C-alpha atoms as a PDB file:
ATOM      1  CA  MET A   1      13.024   6.585   6.069  1.00  0.00           C
ATOM      2  CA  SER A   2      13.694   7.602   2.449  1.00  0.00           C
ATOM      3  CA  SER A   3      17.463   7.260   3.037  1.00  0.00           C
ATOM      4  CA  ILE A   4      17.008   3.580   3.995  1.00  0.00           C
ATOM      5  CA  PHE A   5      14.981   2.920   0.861  1.00  0.00           C
ATOM      6  CA  ASP A   6      17.504   4.823  -1.258  1.00  0.00           C
ATOM      7  CA  ARG A   7      20.336   2.737   0.155  1.00  0.00           C
ATOM      8  CA  TYR A   8      18.594  -0.614  -0.137  1.00  0.00           C
ATOM      9  CA  ALA A   9      16.270  -0.069  -3.123  1.00  0.00           C
ATOM     10  CA  LYS A  10      17.434  -3.180  -4.972  1.00  0.00           C
ATOM     11  CA  LYS A  11      17.324  -5.328  -1.824  1.00  0.00           C
ATOM     12  CA  TYR A  12      13.760  -4.188  -1.178  1.00  0.00           C
ATOM     13  CA  ASP A  13      12.744  -4.939  -4.749  1.00  0.00           C
ATOM     14  CA  SER A  14      14.295  -8.412  -4.699  1.00  0.00           C
ATOM     15  CA  TRP A  15      11.968  -9.492  -1.832  1.00  0.00           C
ATOM     16  CA  TYR A  16       9.126  -9.836  -4.320  1.00  0.00           C
ATOM     17  CA  ASP A  17      11.125 -12.275  -6.438  1.00  0.00           C
ATOM     18  CA  LYS A  18      12.184 -14.339  -3.424  1.00  0.00           C
ATOM     19  CA  ASN A  19       8.597 -14.493  -2.130  1.00  0.00           C
ATOM     20  CA  LYS A  20       6.837 -14.799  -5.480  1.00  0.00           C
ATOM     21  CA  PHE A  21       3.585 -16.433  -4.386  1.00  0.00           C
ATOM     22  CA  ALA A  22       3.106 -14.149  -1.393  1.00  0.00           C
ATOM     23  CA  TYR A  23       3.549 -11.189  -3.729  1.00  0.00           C
ATOM     24  CA  LEU A  24       1.128 -12.612  -6.297  1.00  0.00           C
ATOM     25  CA  SER A  25      -1.395 -13.314  -3.520  1.00  0.00           C
ATOM     26  CA  GLU A  26      -1.195  -9.679  -2.426  1.00  0.00           C
ATOM     27  CA  LEU A  27      -1.675  -8.536  -6.019  1.00  0.00           C
ATOM     28  CA  LYS A  28      -4.737 -10.755  -6.393  1.00  0.00           C
ATOM     29  CA  ALA A  29      -6.374  -9.293  -3.285  1.00  0.00           C
ATOM     30  CA  LEU A  30      -5.549  -5.724  -4.281  1.00  0.00           C
ATOM     31  CA  LYS A  31      -6.834  -6.183  -7.821  1.00  0.00           C
ATOM     32  CA  LYS A  32     -10.251  -7.217  -6.496  1.00  0.00           C
ATOM     33  CA  THR A  33     -10.677  -3.842  -4.789  1.00  0.00           C
ATOM     34  CA  LEU A  34      -9.395  -1.500  -7.519  1.00  0.00           C
ATOM     35  CA  PRO A  35     -11.605   0.055 -10.213  1.00  0.00           C
ATOM     36  CA  ARG A  36     -11.125  -1.520 -13.629  1.00  0.00           C
ATOM     37  CA  LYS A  37     -10.747   1.861 -15.286  1.00  0.00           C
ATOM     38  CA  GLY A  38      -9.963   5.440 -14.383  1.00  0.00           C
ATOM     39  CA  LYS A  39      -6.924   7.511 -13.479  1.00  0.00           C
ATOM     40  CA  GLY A  40      -5.066   6.045 -10.501  1.00  0.00           C
ATOM     41  CA  LEU A  41      -2.306   7.161  -8.129  1.00  0.00           C
ATOM     42  CA  GLU A  42      -0.179   5.116  -5.764  1.00  0.00           C
ATOM     43  CA  ILE A  43       1.110   6.999  -2.732  1.00  0.00           C
ATOM     44  CA  GLY A  44       4.456   5.449  -1.795  1.00  0.00           C
ATOM     45  CA  VAL A  45       4.891   3.765  -5.165  1.00  0.00           C
ATOM     46  CA  GLY A  46       8.367   2.476  -4.265  1.00  0.00           C
ATOM     47  CA  THR A  47       9.839   0.475  -7.137  1.00  0.00           C
ATOM     48  CA  GLY A  48       6.486   0.118  -8.875  1.00  0.00           C
ATOM     49  CA  ARG A  49       6.023  -3.539  -7.921  1.00  0.00           C
ATOM     50  CA  PHE A  50       2.314  -2.965  -7.299  1.00  0.00           C
ATOM     51  CA  ALA A  51       1.500  -0.019  -9.558  1.00  0.00           C
ATOM     52  CA  GLY A  52       2.921  -1.722 -12.664  1.00  0.00           C
ATOM     53  CA  PRO A  53       0.894  -4.961 -12.699  1.00  0.00           C
ATOM     54  CA  LEU A  54      -2.181  -3.242 -11.237  1.00  0.00           C
ATOM     55  CA  GLY A  55      -2.274  -0.678 -14.045  1.00  0.00           C
ATOM     56  CA  ILE A  56      -1.771   2.368 -11.796  1.00  0.00           C
ATOM     57  CA  LYS A  57      -0.137   4.955 -14.043  1.00  0.00           C
ATOM     58  CA  PHE A  58       0.949   7.592 -11.515  1.00  0.00           C
ATOM     59  CA  GLY A  59       3.059   7.321  -8.364  1.00  0.00           C
ATOM     60  CA  ILE A  60       4.841   9.435  -5.770  1.00  0.00           C
ATOM     61  CA  ASP A  61       7.606   8.502  -3.347  1.00  0.00           C
ATOM     62  CA  PRO A  62      10.306  10.319  -1.310  1.00  0.00           C
ATOM     63  CA  SER A  63      13.020   7.879  -2.492  1.00  0.00           C
ATOM     64  CA  ARG A  64      14.798   8.893  -5.700  1.00  0.00           C
ATOM     65  CA  LYS A  65      16.357   5.467  -6.268  1.00  0.00           C
ATOM     66  CA  MET A  66      13.041   3.717  -5.810  1.00  0.00           C
ATOM     67  CA  LEU A  67      11.426   6.078  -8.304  1.00  0.00           C
ATOM     68  CA  LYS A  68      14.084   5.358 -10.913  1.00  0.00           C
ATOM     69  CA  ILE A  69      13.135   1.669 -10.816  1.00  0.00           C
ATOM     70  CA  ALA A  70       9.407   2.506 -10.875  1.00  0.00           C
ATOM     71  CA  GLU A  71       9.938   4.730 -13.890  1.00  0.00           C
ATOM     72  CA  MET A  72      11.592   1.835 -15.695  1.00  0.00           C
ATOM     73  CA  ARG A  73       8.367  -0.101 -15.070  1.00  0.00           C
ATOM     74  CA  GLY A  74       6.361   2.522 -16.932  1.00  0.00           C
ATOM     75  CA  ILE A  75       5.049   4.560 -13.998  1.00  0.00           C
ATOM     76  CA  LYS A  76       4.809   8.358 -14.274  1.00  0.00           C
ATOM     77  CA  VAL A  77       6.545   9.359 -11.043  1.00  0.00           C
ATOM     78  CA  LYS A  78       7.076  12.433  -8.907  1.00  0.00           C
ATOM     79  CA  LEU A  79       9.403  12.911  -5.942  1.00  0.00           C
ATOM     80  CA  ALA A  80       7.086  13.851  -3.074  1.00  0.00           C
ATOM     81  CA  SER A  81       5.745  12.820   0.309  1.00  0.00           C
ATOM     82  CA  GLY A  82       2.256  11.547   1.003  1.00  0.00           C
ATOM     83  CA  GLU A  83       1.651  14.436   3.387  1.00  0.00           C
ATOM     84  CA  LYS A  84       1.941  16.972   0.543  1.00  0.00           C
ATOM     85  CA  LEU A  85       0.825  15.604  -2.813  1.00  0.00           C
ATOM     86  CA  PRO A  86       1.849  17.654  -5.882  1.00  0.00           C
ATOM     87  CA  PHE A  87      -1.579  17.363  -7.506  1.00  0.00           C
ATOM     88  CA  LYS A  88      -4.693  19.525  -7.724  1.00  0.00           C
ATOM     89  CA  LYS A  89      -7.927  18.727  -5.922  1.00  0.00           C
ATOM     90  CA  ALA A  90     -10.045  15.995  -7.544  1.00  0.00           C
ATOM     91  CA  SER A  91      -7.304  14.769  -9.905  1.00  0.00           C
ATOM     92  CA  PHE A  92      -7.780  10.993  -9.588  1.00  0.00           C
ATOM     93  CA  ASP A  93     -10.514   8.378  -9.792  1.00  0.00           C
ATOM     94  CA  TYR A  94      -8.751   6.158  -7.266  1.00  0.00           C
ATOM     95  CA  VAL A  95      -5.751   6.105  -4.945  1.00  0.00           C
ATOM     96  CA  ALA A  96      -3.780   3.143  -3.587  1.00  0.00           C
ATOM     97  CA  ILE A  97      -1.603   3.166  -0.465  1.00  0.00           C
ATOM     98  CA  ILE A  98       0.099  -0.211  -0.128  1.00  0.00           C
ATOM     99  CA  ILE A  99       2.218  -0.874   3.012  1.00  0.00           C
ATOM    100  CA  THR A 100       3.282   2.794   2.937  1.00  0.00           C
ATOM    101  CA  LEU A 101       1.231   4.043   5.925  1.00  0.00           C
ATOM    102  CA  CYS A 102       3.472   2.241   8.422  1.00  0.00           C
ATOM    103  CA  PHE A 103       6.430   4.354   7.233  1.00  0.00           C
ATOM    104  CA  VAL A 104       4.946   7.887   7.073  1.00  0.00           C
ATOM    105  CA  LYS A 105       5.258  10.541   9.774  1.00  0.00           C
ATOM    106  CA  ASN A 106       1.623  11.607   9.716  1.00  0.00           C
ATOM    107  CA  PRO A 107      -0.728   8.859   8.461  1.00  0.00           C
ATOM    108  CA  LEU A 108      -3.906  10.914   9.008  1.00  0.00           C
ATOM    109  CA  LYS A 109      -2.538  13.765   6.909  1.00  0.00           C
ATOM    110  CA  VAL A 110      -1.633  11.289   4.139  1.00  0.00           C
ATOM    111  CA  LEU A 111      -5.191   9.946   4.143  1.00  0.00           C
ATOM    112  CA  LYS A 112      -6.635  13.470   4.062  1.00  0.00           C
ATOM    113  CA  GLU A 113      -4.372  14.288   1.110  1.00  0.00           C
ATOM    114  CA  ALA A 114      -5.579  11.137  -0.637  1.00  0.00           C
ATOM    115  CA  LYS A 115      -9.163  12.301  -0.126  1.00  0.00           C
ATOM    116  CA  ARG A 116      -8.309  15.774  -1.433  1.00  0.00           C
ATOM    117  CA  VAL A 117      -6.968  14.495  -4.760  1.00  0.00           C
ATOM    118  CA  LEU A 118      -9.840  12.044  -5.262  1.00  0.00           C
ATOM    119  CA  LYS A 119     -12.777  12.957  -7.468  1.00  0.00           C
ATOM    120  CA  LYS A 120     -16.361  12.764  -6.229  1.00  0.00           C
ATOM    121  CA  ASN A 121     -17.208   9.078  -5.700  1.00  0.00           C
ATOM    122  CA  GLY A 122     -13.479   8.286  -5.836  1.00  0.00           C
ATOM    123  CA  LYS A 123     -12.109   5.108  -4.267  1.00  0.00           C
ATOM    124  CA  LEU A 124      -9.246   4.422  -1.890  1.00  0.00           C
ATOM    125  CA  THR A 125      -7.510   1.058  -1.500  1.00  0.00           C
ATOM    126  CA  ILE A 126      -5.106   0.442   1.376  1.00  0.00           C
ATOM    127  CA  GLY A 127      -2.916  -2.601   1.928  1.00  0.00           C
ATOM    128  CA  ILE A 128      -1.421  -3.190   5.379  1.00  0.00           C
ATOM    129  CA  VAL A 129       0.225  -5.868   7.463  1.00  0.00           C
ATOM    130  CA  ASP A 130      -2.247  -6.285  10.327  1.00  0.00           C
ATOM    131  CA  LYS A 131      -0.434  -5.525  13.582  1.00  0.00           C
ATOM    132  CA  GLU A 132      -2.458  -8.119  15.468  1.00  0.00           C
ATOM    133  CA  SER A 133      -1.936 -10.921  12.931  1.00  0.00           C
ATOM    134  CA  PHE A 134       0.741 -13.630  13.196  1.00  0.00           C
ATOM    135  CA  LEU A 135       2.675 -11.822  10.434  1.00  0.00           C
ATOM    136  CA  GLY A 136       2.427  -8.425  12.089  1.00  0.00           C
ATOM    137  CA  LYS A 137       3.720  -9.830  15.378  1.00  0.00           C
ATOM    138  CA  PHE A 138       6.581 -11.538  13.523  1.00  0.00           C
ATOM    139  CA  TYR A 139       7.658  -8.372  11.692  1.00  0.00           C
ATOM    140  CA  ARG A 140       7.513  -6.357  14.900  1.00  0.00           C
ATOM    141  CA  ARG A 141       9.982  -8.781  16.514  1.00  0.00           C
ATOM    142  CA  LYS A 142      12.204  -9.134  13.455  1.00  0.00           C
ATOM    143  CA  LYS A 143      15.214  -6.810  13.187  1.00  0.00           C
ATOM    144  CA  SER A 144      14.551  -5.891   9.544  1.00  0.00           C
ATOM    145  CA  ILE A 145      16.276  -2.794   8.155  1.00  0.00           C
ATOM    146  CA  PHE A 146      12.973  -1.756   6.614  1.00  0.00           C
ATOM    147  CA  TYR A 147      10.637  -2.410   9.554  1.00  0.00           C
ATOM    148  CA  LEU A 148      12.972  -1.220  12.315  1.00  0.00           C
ATOM    149  CA  ARG A 149      11.193   2.148  12.582  1.00  0.00           C
ATOM    150  CA  ALA A 150       7.869   1.142  11.056  1.00  0.00           C
ATOM    151  CA  ARG A 151       4.601   1.744  12.869  1.00  0.00           C
ATOM    152  CA  PHE A 152       2.163  -1.089  12.277  1.00  0.00           C
ATOM    153  CA  PHE A 153      -1.590  -0.644  12.559  1.00  0.00           C
ATOM    154  CA  SER A 154      -4.380  -2.912  13.732  1.00  0.00           C
ATOM    155  CA  ILE A 155      -7.591  -3.045  11.697  1.00  0.00           C
ATOM    156  CA  LYS A 156      -9.361  -1.130  14.449  1.00  0.00           C
ATOM    157  CA  GLU A 157      -6.739   1.634  14.275  1.00  0.00           C
ATOM    158  CA  ILE A 158      -6.729   1.867  10.478  1.00  0.00           C
ATOM    159  CA  THR A 159     -10.537   1.927  10.414  1.00  0.00           C
ATOM    160  CA  ALA A 160     -10.581   4.830  12.871  1.00  0.00           C
ATOM    161  CA  LEU A 161      -8.026   6.758  10.794  1.00  0.00           C
ATOM    162  CA  LEU A 162      -9.977   6.225   7.588  1.00  0.00           C
ATOM    163  CA  ARG A 163     -13.195   7.437   9.168  1.00  0.00           C
ATOM    164  CA  ARG A 164     -11.471  10.507  10.613  1.00  0.00           C
ATOM    165  CA  ALA A 165     -10.135  11.289   7.132  1.00  0.00           C
ATOM    166  CA  GLY A 166     -13.658  11.132   5.711  1.00  0.00           C
ATOM    167  CA  PHE A 167     -13.783   7.696   4.071  1.00  0.00           C
ATOM    168  CA  ARG A 168     -16.948   5.626   4.253  1.00  0.00           C
ATOM    169  CA  ARG A 169     -18.390   2.292   3.096  1.00  0.00           C
ATOM    170  CA  LEU A 170     -15.326   0.355   4.225  1.00  0.00           C
ATOM    171  CA  ALA A 171     -14.808  -3.227   3.077  1.00  0.00           C
ATOM    172  CA  TYR A 172     -12.062  -5.688   4.028  1.00  0.00           C
ATOM    173  CA  LEU A 173     -10.242  -8.476   2.200  1.00  0.00           C
ATOM    174  CA  GLN A 174      -7.436 -10.665   3.604  1.00  0.00           C
ATOM    175  CA  THR A 175      -4.666 -12.911   2.307  1.00  0.00           C
ATOM    176  CA  LEU A 176      -1.280 -14.395   3.370  1.00  0.00           C
ATOM    177  CA  PHE A 177      -2.434 -17.149   5.673  1.00  0.00           C
ATOM    178  CA  SER A 178       1.121 -18.487   6.099  1.00  0.00           C
ATOM    179  CA  PHE A 179       4.534 -16.862   6.281  1.00  0.00           C
ATOM    180  CA  PRO A 180       5.575 -15.501   2.848  1.00  0.00           C
ATOM    181  CA  LYS A 181       8.469 -17.956   2.462  1.00  0.00           C
ATOM    182  CA  ASP A 182       6.080 -20.898   3.026  1.00  0.00           C
ATOM    183  CA  ILE A 183       3.459 -19.918   0.444  1.00  0.00           C
ATOM    184  CA  ALA A 184       3.790 -22.214  -2.590  1.00  0.00           C
ATOM    185  CA  SER A 185       0.793 -21.103  -4.680  1.00  0.00           C
ATOM    186  CA  ILE A 186      -1.402 -18.041  -5.145  1.00  0.00           C
ATOM    187  CA  GLU A 187      -3.866 -17.795  -2.280  1.00  0.00           C
ATOM    188  CA  LYS A 188      -7.537 -16.987  -2.722  1.00  0.00           C
ATOM    189  CA  PRO A 189      -8.368 -13.865  -0.694  1.00  0.00           C
ATOM    190  CA  LEU A 190     -11.142 -14.042   1.877  1.00  0.00           C
ATOM    191  CA  ARG A 191     -13.557 -11.356   3.016  1.00  0.00           C
ATOM    192  CA  GLY A 192     -12.956  -9.724   6.366  1.00  0.00           C
ATOM    193  CA  PHE A 193      -9.866  -9.853   8.558  1.00  0.00           C
ATOM    194  CA  GLY A 194      -8.466 -11.783  11.503  1.00  0.00           C
ATOM    195  CA  LYS A 195      -6.844 -14.719   9.704  1.00  0.00           C
ATOM    196  CA  GLY A 196      -4.615 -13.230   7.022  1.00  0.00           C
ATOM    197  CA  GLY A 197      -1.433 -11.281   7.643  1.00  0.00           C
ATOM    198  CA  PHE A 198      -2.078  -8.875   4.754  1.00  0.00           C
ATOM    199  CA  VAL A 199      -5.366  -6.963   4.780  1.00  0.00           C
ATOM    200  CA  VAL A 200      -6.773  -4.774   2.025  1.00  0.00           C
ATOM    201  CA  VAL A 201      -9.239  -2.061   3.021  1.00  0.00           C
ATOM    202  CA  LYS A 202     -11.409  -0.308   0.443  1.00  0.00           C
ATOM    203  CA  GLY A 203     -13.223   2.949   1.099  1.00  0.00           C
ATOM    204  CA  GLY A 204     -15.056   5.655  -0.809  1.00  0.00           C
ATOM    205  CA  VAL A 205     -15.716   9.389  -0.691  1.00  0.00           C
ATOM    206  CA  ALA A 206     -19.096  11.006  -1.243  1.00  0.00           C
END
């Protein structure tokens, strides 16, 4: 998958400009779940579109070209995969994984690695396109170069993975109640899931 993101890094990044209000709606939902302070890491930082405005200072990704753009946005980056993070145990106060899980080979291992690098009482925030939502069904049908080999998750599936990885006290927030191209203002996120195409899940470690 990293070769696709290397080849189309700029095309990927431009989506956020073309779908400005969908992007800003996602940011608003994510921001509500992230700690206001502490050392943060984004697994699958991509071009830094989320890490930058959310104040996440560290990021890893397997795509060199993506990381170059993220670095320009002020992120401290490392070339790595989510399955093998180049950090010591208990290095971060919080970890974010936004969209990334649908592209990794071993999502459970990525979540276990996230738990490993989190400090005691650390927080995890995940952003996914709900497989069972109108948006998830649309992306699964669409012949996108990015989603061609993606594996989407339902909320039930992602909840089971998080619990297997050792995360507890899960909370859900949803946004994107229309297709991204049709959103003309920043949406207010709602608790739970089932209506929005983009769902944020927050969990903690003991």
